Protein backbone atom coordinates (compact mmCIF):
# COMPACT_ATOMS: atom_id res chain seq x y z
CA MET A 1 -9.69 -19.13 0.92
CA ASP A 2 -7.04 -17.48 -1.36
CA ALA A 3 -4.20 -15.89 0.39
CA LYS A 4 -1.70 -13.13 -0.47
CA ILE A 5 1.35 -11.66 1.19
CA CYS A 6 2.30 -8.43 2.11
CA ASP A 7 4.92 -6.70 -0.15
CA ARG A 8 5.78 -4.60 2.90
CA CYS A 9 5.93 -6.77 6.15
CA GLY A 10 5.60 -10.38 4.61
CA LYS A 11 2.46 -11.14 6.60
CA PHE A 12 0.04 -13.41 5.12
CA CYS A 13 -3.59 -11.69 4.31
CA GLU A 14 -6.91 -12.92 2.85
CA GLU A 15 -7.40 -11.67 -0.71
CA LYS A 16 -10.53 -9.95 0.49
CA ASP A 17 -8.12 -7.99 2.84
CA SER A 18 -5.36 -7.28 0.57
CA THR A 19 -5.15 -4.01 -1.40
CA GLN A 20 -3.42 -3.81 -4.67
CA ILE A 21 -1.44 -0.78 -5.31
CA ARG A 22 -0.47 0.25 -8.64
CA VAL A 23 2.70 2.33 -8.66
CA GLY A 24 4.28 4.42 -11.97
CA PHE A 25 3.27 6.26 -15.24
CA CYS A 26 4.10 4.35 -17.86
CA GLN A 27 4.82 0.89 -16.76
CA TYR A 28 3.03 -0.12 -13.69
CA GLU A 29 4.17 -2.15 -10.57
CA TYR A 30 1.58 -3.63 -8.19
CA PHE A 31 2.11 -4.35 -4.60
CA ASP A 32 -0.31 -6.02 -2.18
CA LEU A 33 -0.72 -4.87 0.94
CA CYS A 34 -2.30 -6.17 4.27
CA LYS A 35 -4.65 -3.63 6.22
CA ASP A 36 -1.74 -2.46 8.33
CA CYS A 37 0.50 -1.58 5.60
CA ARG A 38 -2.18 0.06 3.71
CA LEU A 39 -3.26 2.39 6.86
CA TRP A 40 0.69 2.85 7.22
CA LEU A 41 0.76 4.08 3.47
CA LEU A 42 -2.24 6.55 3.51
CA HIS A 43 -0.61 7.87 6.98
CA GLU A 44 2.74 8.29 4.98
CA LEU A 45 0.93 10.05 1.98
CA GLY A 46 -1.03 12.36 4.01
CA LYS A 47 2.33 13.43 5.82
CA LYS A 48 4.10 14.02 1.96
CA GLU A 49 0.78 16.12 1.31
CA LYS A 50 0.97 18.35 4.08
CA TRP A 51 4.76 18.63 3.81
CA GLU A 52 4.41 19.80 0.19
CA GLU A 53 1.60 22.34 1.11
CA GLU A 54 4.08 23.99 3.81
CA VAL A 55 7.02 24.12 1.23
């Protein structure tokens, strides 16, 4: 079983449960997130998008 460590919370997660996020435009950085941190990120991005629409 392959496992990865979440870059946000440090929990171990199975590779199949890990989500790899690519950040950047020219040079990419990759982050591995567990299911909980992935849901947190999606929630935060939704709040940011809503805030941008209001401004």
